[in-house]
Structure formats: structure tokens, C-alpha cells
Amino acid sequence: MAEWFCESGIINEFISTWNTPPPQSHHLLELQLDLLSRLGLSLSTEASEALREIKGSSKSAKLAKQLCTLESQPGSSPQMEAILQAYEARLARAERVESYLSKQKQS
């Protein structure tokens, strides 16, 4: 789940750079809708602004509308689990670095 959290953040950043959506952007928007729904999150303000510019009845436009209506569910179980996994991964990495540095000092 930590991966979902990171991936949705990366996609949010990418979407927020769009002046116009790239061709076949509905594939990315489908993924983002799935990730955010599972995590109980919503789009960033910047990504929402970019998606509000998509008009029409294309797949991308329909998905953009759905994404813009998502609301965060603070403290949802999947969201909290993803955050916890991310913290655990950081802690494990810090422990590995500390162990490596300790071995280097002893050498």
C-alpha cells in the first residue's frame, strides 16, 4: 500500500503539469481513480485545476469529472496503513545505514 501512496502522489504531480491532457490519458486517469479510491484520498488542488480544464464526453473527460469529485477520508484504514508502511520502510532503511556505518567504523 505504501507504493500506492507514492504512485498516486507522482501521478498527481504529473497531472498538475498538464496544459492539455496527452493522448490516451484516460489510462493514467483510470489508475489514479483506482489508487485514490482505495486509499481514501482526493486529488491535489493543482491536479484538480488541470483536470477541470478537460471538457467533453471522452473517457478522459468522464474520468476527470469523477476524480474531481473525490473527497478525502482522513484516517481511513488503507490511508493509515500506507503511511505506516512508508514509515516502517524508512525506519528499516535507517537501521541498515546505521549498521553499515557501525561496521565501517570498526574496520
N, C-alpha and C. Protein backbone atom coordinates (compact mmCIF):
# COMPACT_ATOMS: atom_id res chain seq x y z
N MET A 1 0.79 -1.20 0.00
CA MET A 1 0.00 0.00 0.00
C MET A 1 0.83 1.26 0.00
N ALA A 2 2.01 1.19 0.59
CA ALA A 2 2.88 2.37 0.57
C ALA A 2 3.20 2.75 -0.87
N GLU A 3 3.31 1.73 -1.72
CA GLU A 3 3.58 2.00 -3.13
C GLU A 3 2.42 2.78 -3.76
N TRP A 4 1.19 2.42 -3.40
CA TRP A 4 0.02 3.11 -3.94
C TRP A 4 0.07 4.59 -3.55
N PHE A 5 0.45 4.84 -2.31
CA PHE A 5 0.52 6.19 -1.79
C PHE A 5 1.53 7.01 -2.60
N CYS A 6 2.71 6.43 -2.82
CA CYS A 6 3.76 7.10 -3.60
C CYS A 6 3.33 7.29 -5.06
N GLU A 7 2.77 6.24 -5.64
CA GLU A 7 2.36 6.31 -7.04
C GLU A 7 1.28 7.37 -7.25
N SER A 8 0.32 7.44 -6.36
CA SER A 8 -0.75 8.43 -6.53
C SER A 8 -0.18 9.85 -6.41
N GLY A 9 0.82 10.03 -5.56
CA GLY A 9 1.45 11.34 -5.44
C GLY A 9 2.21 11.73 -6.70
N ILE A 10 2.89 10.77 -7.28
CA ILE A 10 3.62 11.03 -8.53
C ILE A 10 2.65 11.37 -9.65
N ILE A 11 1.57 10.62 -9.73
CA ILE A 11 0.57 10.88 -10.78
C ILE A 11 -0.06 12.26 -10.57
N ASN A 12 -0.35 12.62 -9.32
CA ASN A 12 -0.89 13.95 -9.03
C ASN A 12 0.04 15.04 -9.55
N GLU A 13 1.33 14.88 -9.28
CA GLU A 13 2.31 15.87 -9.74
C GLU A 13 2.33 15.94 -11.26
N PHE A 14 2.28 14.79 -11.91
CA PHE A 14 2.30 14.76 -13.37
C PHE A 14 1.06 15.42 -13.96
N ILE A 15 -0.10 15.08 -13.42
CA ILE A 15 -1.35 15.66 -13.91
C ILE A 15 -1.34 17.18 -13.76
N SER A 16 -0.79 17.65 -12.66
CA SER A 16 -0.81 19.10 -12.41
C SER A 16 0.03 19.88 -13.42
N THR A 17 0.87 19.21 -14.19
CA THR A 17 1.69 19.89 -15.20
C THR A 17 0.98 20.00 -16.55
N TRP A 18 -0.17 19.37 -16.69
CA TRP A 18 -0.85 19.33 -17.99
C TRP A 18 -1.48 20.68 -18.33
N ASN A 19 -1.18 21.16 -19.52
CA ASN A 19 -1.95 22.27 -20.09
C ASN A 19 -3.12 21.67 -20.85
N THR A 20 -2.82 20.59 -21.57
CA THR A 20 -3.85 19.76 -22.20
C THR A 20 -3.44 18.32 -21.93
N PRO A 21 -4.39 17.44 -21.74
CA PRO A 21 -4.02 16.05 -21.44
C PRO A 21 -3.37 15.38 -22.64
N PRO A 22 -2.40 14.52 -22.40
CA PRO A 22 -1.78 13.80 -23.51
C PRO A 22 -2.76 12.78 -24.11
N PRO A 23 -2.49 12.33 -25.33
CA PRO A 23 -3.35 11.30 -25.92
C PRO A 23 -3.38 10.05 -25.02
N GLN A 24 -4.50 9.43 -24.98
CA GLN A 24 -4.71 8.21 -24.20
C GLN A 24 -4.53 8.43 -22.69
N SER A 25 -4.76 9.65 -22.24
CA SER A 25 -4.57 9.96 -20.82
C SER A 25 -5.58 9.23 -19.93
N HIS A 26 -6.64 8.71 -20.54
CA HIS A 26 -7.64 8.01 -19.72
C HIS A 26 -7.04 6.80 -19.00
N HIS A 27 -5.99 6.20 -19.57
CA HIS A 27 -5.36 5.06 -18.90
C HIS A 27 -4.76 5.48 -17.56
N LEU A 28 -4.08 6.60 -17.57
CA LEU A 28 -3.47 7.12 -16.35
C LEU A 28 -4.55 7.59 -15.37
N LEU A 29 -5.59 8.20 -15.88
CA LEU A 29 -6.68 8.68 -15.02
C LEU A 29 -7.43 7.52 -14.37
N GLU A 30 -7.59 6.41 -15.10
CA GLU A 30 -8.22 5.21 -14.52
C GLU A 30 -7.38 4.70 -13.35
N LEU A 31 -6.08 4.65 -13.55
CA LEU A 31 -5.18 4.19 -12.49
C LEU A 31 -5.27 5.12 -11.28
N GLN A 32 -5.25 6.42 -11.52
CA GLN A 32 -5.32 7.37 -10.42
C GLN A 32 -6.64 7.26 -9.67
N LEU A 33 -7.72 7.09 -10.37
CA LEU A 33 -9.03 6.93 -9.73
C LEU A 33 -9.04 5.69 -8.84
N ASP A 34 -8.48 4.61 -9.33
CA ASP A 34 -8.41 3.37 -8.55
C ASP A 34 -7.55 3.57 -7.30
N LEU A 35 -6.37 4.15 -7.47
CA LEU A 35 -5.47 4.35 -6.33
C LEU A 35 -6.09 5.25 -5.26
N LEU A 36 -6.61 6.39 -5.69
CA LEU A 36 -7.17 7.32 -4.72
C LEU A 36 -8.40 6.75 -4.03
N SER A 37 -9.21 6.01 -4.76
CA SER A 37 -10.40 5.38 -4.16
C SER A 37 -10.00 4.37 -3.11
N ARG A 38 -8.99 3.58 -3.41
CA ARG A 38 -8.54 2.56 -2.45
C ARG A 38 -7.93 3.19 -1.20
N LEU A 39 -7.24 4.31 -1.39
CA LEU A 39 -6.56 4.96 -0.27
C LEU A 39 -7.45 5.93 0.51
N GLY A 40 -8.59 6.27 -0.06
CA GLY A 40 -9.46 7.24 0.60
C GLY A 40 -8.92 8.66 0.49
N LEU A 41 -8.26 8.95 -0.62
CA LEU A 41 -7.66 10.27 -0.84
C LEU A 41 -8.36 11.00 -1.97
N SER A 42 -8.03 12.26 -2.13
CA SER A 42 -8.54 13.05 -3.25
C SER A 42 -7.35 13.63 -4.00
N LEU A 43 -7.64 14.25 -5.13
CA LEU A 43 -6.60 14.88 -5.94
C LEU A 43 -6.01 16.08 -5.21
N SER A 44 -4.79 16.43 -5.60
CA SER A 44 -4.22 17.68 -5.11
C SER A 44 -4.98 18.83 -5.77
N THR A 45 -4.89 19.99 -5.18
CA THR A 45 -5.57 21.18 -5.73
C THR A 45 -5.09 21.46 -7.15
N GLU A 46 -3.78 21.34 -7.36
CA GLU A 46 -3.20 21.62 -8.67
C GLU A 46 -3.69 20.63 -9.73
N ALA A 47 -3.75 19.35 -9.37
CA ALA A 47 -4.22 18.33 -10.31
C ALA A 47 -5.70 18.54 -10.62
N SER A 48 -6.48 18.91 -9.61
CA SER A 48 -7.91 19.18 -9.83
C SER A 48 -8.09 20.33 -10.81
N GLU A 49 -7.30 21.38 -10.64
CA GLU A 49 -7.39 22.53 -11.54
C GLU A 49 -7.09 22.12 -12.98
N ALA A 50 -6.06 21.30 -13.16
CA ALA A 50 -5.70 20.84 -14.50
C ALA A 50 -6.82 19.99 -15.11
N LEU A 51 -7.42 19.12 -14.30
CA LEU A 51 -8.46 18.23 -14.82
C LEU A 51 -9.77 18.95 -15.08
N ARG A 52 -10.03 20.03 -14.38
CA ARG A 52 -11.26 20.79 -14.63
C ARG A 52 -11.27 21.43 -16.02
N GLU A 53 -10.11 21.52 -16.64
CA GLU A 53 -10.00 22.09 -17.98
C GLU A 53 -10.40 21.09 -19.07
N ILE A 54 -10.52 19.82 -18.72
CA ILE A 54 -10.89 18.80 -19.70
C ILE A 54 -12.40 18.83 -19.88
N LYS A 55 -12.83 19.12 -21.07
CA LYS A 55 -14.26 19.24 -21.37
C LYS A 55 -14.67 18.14 -22.36
N GLY A 56 -15.96 17.91 -22.47
CA GLY A 56 -16.47 16.96 -23.45
C GLY A 56 -16.98 15.70 -22.82
N SER A 57 -17.10 14.66 -23.66
CA SER A 57 -17.66 13.40 -23.19
C SER A 57 -16.72 12.23 -23.45
N SER A 58 -15.44 12.54 -23.64
CA SER A 58 -14.45 11.48 -23.86
C SER A 58 -14.24 10.69 -22.56
N LYS A 59 -13.53 9.58 -22.67
CA LYS A 59 -13.21 8.79 -21.48
C LYS A 59 -12.43 9.64 -20.49
N SER A 60 -11.48 10.40 -21.01
CA SER A 60 -10.66 11.25 -20.14
C SER A 60 -11.51 12.28 -19.42
N ALA A 61 -12.45 12.89 -20.12
CA ALA A 61 -13.31 13.91 -19.51
C ALA A 61 -14.18 13.30 -18.41
N LYS A 62 -14.73 12.14 -18.66
CA LYS A 62 -15.57 11.47 -17.66
C LYS A 62 -14.76 11.11 -16.42
N LEU A 63 -13.56 10.58 -16.64
CA LEU A 63 -12.70 10.22 -15.50
C LEU A 63 -12.24 11.46 -14.75
N ALA A 64 -11.95 12.52 -15.48
CA ALA A 64 -11.54 13.78 -14.84
C ALA A 64 -12.64 14.28 -13.91
N LYS A 65 -13.88 14.21 -14.37
CA LYS A 65 -15.01 14.64 -13.54
C LYS A 65 -15.12 13.78 -12.28
N GLN A 66 -14.96 12.47 -12.43
CA GLN A 66 -15.01 11.58 -11.28
C GLN A 66 -13.90 11.89 -10.29
N LEU A 67 -12.70 12.09 -10.82
CA LEU A 67 -11.57 12.38 -9.95
C LEU A 67 -11.76 13.69 -9.19
N CYS A 68 -12.32 14.67 -9.85
CA CYS A 68 -12.53 15.98 -9.20
C CYS A 68 -13.58 15.93 -8.10
N THR A 69 -14.44 14.93 -8.12
CA THR A 69 -15.47 14.83 -7.08
C THR A 69 -15.03 13.98 -5.88
N LEU A 70 -13.89 13.33 -5.97
CA LEU A 70 -13.42 12.52 -4.85
C LEU A 70 -13.15 13.40 -3.64
N GLU A 71 -13.49 12.90 -2.48
CA GLU A 71 -13.22 13.60 -1.23
C GLU A 71 -12.35 12.72 -0.35
N SER A 72 -11.38 13.34 0.30
CA SER A 72 -10.52 12.59 1.21
C SER A 72 -11.31 12.07 2.39
N GLN A 73 -10.90 10.92 2.86
CA GLN A 73 -11.49 10.32 4.05
C GLN A 73 -10.38 10.22 5.08
N PRO A 74 -10.12 11.33 5.79
CA PRO A 74 -8.99 11.35 6.74
C PRO A 74 -9.04 10.18 7.71
N GLY A 75 -7.89 9.58 7.89
CA GLY A 75 -7.79 8.48 8.84
C GLY A 75 -8.37 7.17 8.36
N SER A 76 -8.64 7.03 7.06
CA SER A 76 -9.17 5.76 6.56
C SER A 76 -8.13 4.67 6.76
N SER A 77 -8.58 3.45 6.94
CA SER A 77 -7.66 2.33 7.19
C SER A 77 -6.61 2.17 6.10
N PRO A 78 -7.00 2.15 4.81
CA PRO A 78 -5.96 1.99 3.79
C PRO A 78 -4.95 3.14 3.79
N GLN A 79 -5.44 4.35 4.03
CA GLN A 79 -4.55 5.51 4.07
C GLN A 79 -3.57 5.38 5.23
N MET A 80 -4.05 5.05 6.39
CA MET A 80 -3.19 4.91 7.56
C MET A 80 -2.21 3.75 7.39
N GLU A 81 -2.67 2.66 6.80
CA GLU A 81 -1.79 1.52 6.56
C GLU A 81 -0.67 1.89 5.60
N ALA A 82 -1.00 2.64 4.56
CA ALA A 82 0.02 3.07 3.59
C ALA A 82 1.05 3.97 4.26
N ILE A 83 0.60 4.87 5.11
CA ILE A 83 1.53 5.77 5.81
C ILE A 83 2.40 4.96 6.76
N LEU A 84 1.82 4.02 7.47
CA LEU A 84 2.57 3.19 8.39
C LEU A 84 3.63 2.37 7.65
N GLN A 85 3.27 1.79 6.51
CA GLN A 85 4.23 1.02 5.73
C GLN A 85 5.38 1.90 5.25
N ALA A 86 5.07 3.13 4.86
CA ALA A 86 6.12 4.04 4.41
C ALA A 86 7.07 4.36 5.56
N TYR A 87 6.53 4.62 6.74
CA TYR A 87 7.38 4.89 7.90
C TYR A 87 8.23 3.68 8.28
N GLU A 88 7.64 2.50 8.23
CA GLU A 88 8.38 1.29 8.55
C GLU A 88 9.53 1.07 7.57
N ALA A 89 9.29 1.35 6.29
CA ALA A 89 10.34 1.20 5.29
C ALA A 89 11.47 2.20 5.54
N ARG A 90 11.12 3.42 5.92
CA ARG A 90 12.15 4.43 6.23
C ARG A 90 12.96 4.03 7.45
N LEU A 91 12.29 3.52 8.47
CA LEU A 91 12.98 3.08 9.67
C LEU A 91 13.93 1.92 9.38
N ALA A 92 13.47 0.97 8.59
CA ALA A 92 14.32 -0.18 8.22
C ALA A 92 15.55 0.30 7.45
N ARG A 93 15.36 1.26 6.57
CA ARG A 93 16.49 1.79 5.81
C ARG A 93 17.47 2.50 6.73
N ALA A 94 16.97 3.28 7.67
CA ALA A 94 17.84 3.98 8.62
C ALA A 94 18.63 2.97 9.45
N GLU A 95 18.00 1.88 9.84
CA GLU A 95 18.70 0.85 10.61
C GLU A 95 19.79 0.18 9.78
N ARG A 96 19.51 -0.05 8.50
CA ARG A 96 20.54 -0.65 7.63
C ARG A 96 21.73 0.29 7.46
N VAL A 97 21.45 1.57 7.29
CA VAL A 97 22.53 2.56 7.14
C VAL A 97 23.34 2.64 8.42
N GLU A 98 22.67 2.66 9.57
CA GLU A 98 23.37 2.71 10.85
C GLU A 98 24.25 1.49 11.03
N SER A 99 23.75 0.32 10.69
CA SER A 99 24.53 -0.92 10.80
C SER A 99 25.75 -0.87 9.89
N TYR A 100 25.56 -0.40 8.68
CA TYR A 100 26.66 -0.29 7.73
C TYR A 100 27.73 0.67 8.23
N LEU A 101 27.31 1.81 8.75
CA LEU A 101 28.27 2.79 9.26
C LEU A 101 29.02 2.29 10.48
N SER A 102 28.33 1.54 11.33
CA SER A 102 28.97 0.95 12.51
C SER A 102 30.06 -0.03 12.10
N LYS A 103 29.79 -0.84 11.09
CA LYS A 103 30.78 -1.80 10.58
C LYS A 103 31.96 -1.09 9.96
N GLN A 104 31.70 0.04 9.31
CA GLN A 104 32.78 0.81 8.69
C GLN A 104 33.71 1.41 9.75
N LYS A 105 33.14 1.87 10.87
CA LYS A 105 33.94 2.44 11.94
C LYS A 105 34.83 1.38 12.60
N GLN A 106 34.31 0.15 12.68
CA GLN A 106 35.07 -0.93 13.31
C GLN A 106 36.20 -1.42 12.45
N SER A 107 36.12 -1.17 11.16
CA SER A 107 37.17 -1.66 10.22
C SER A 107 38.41 -0.81 10.27
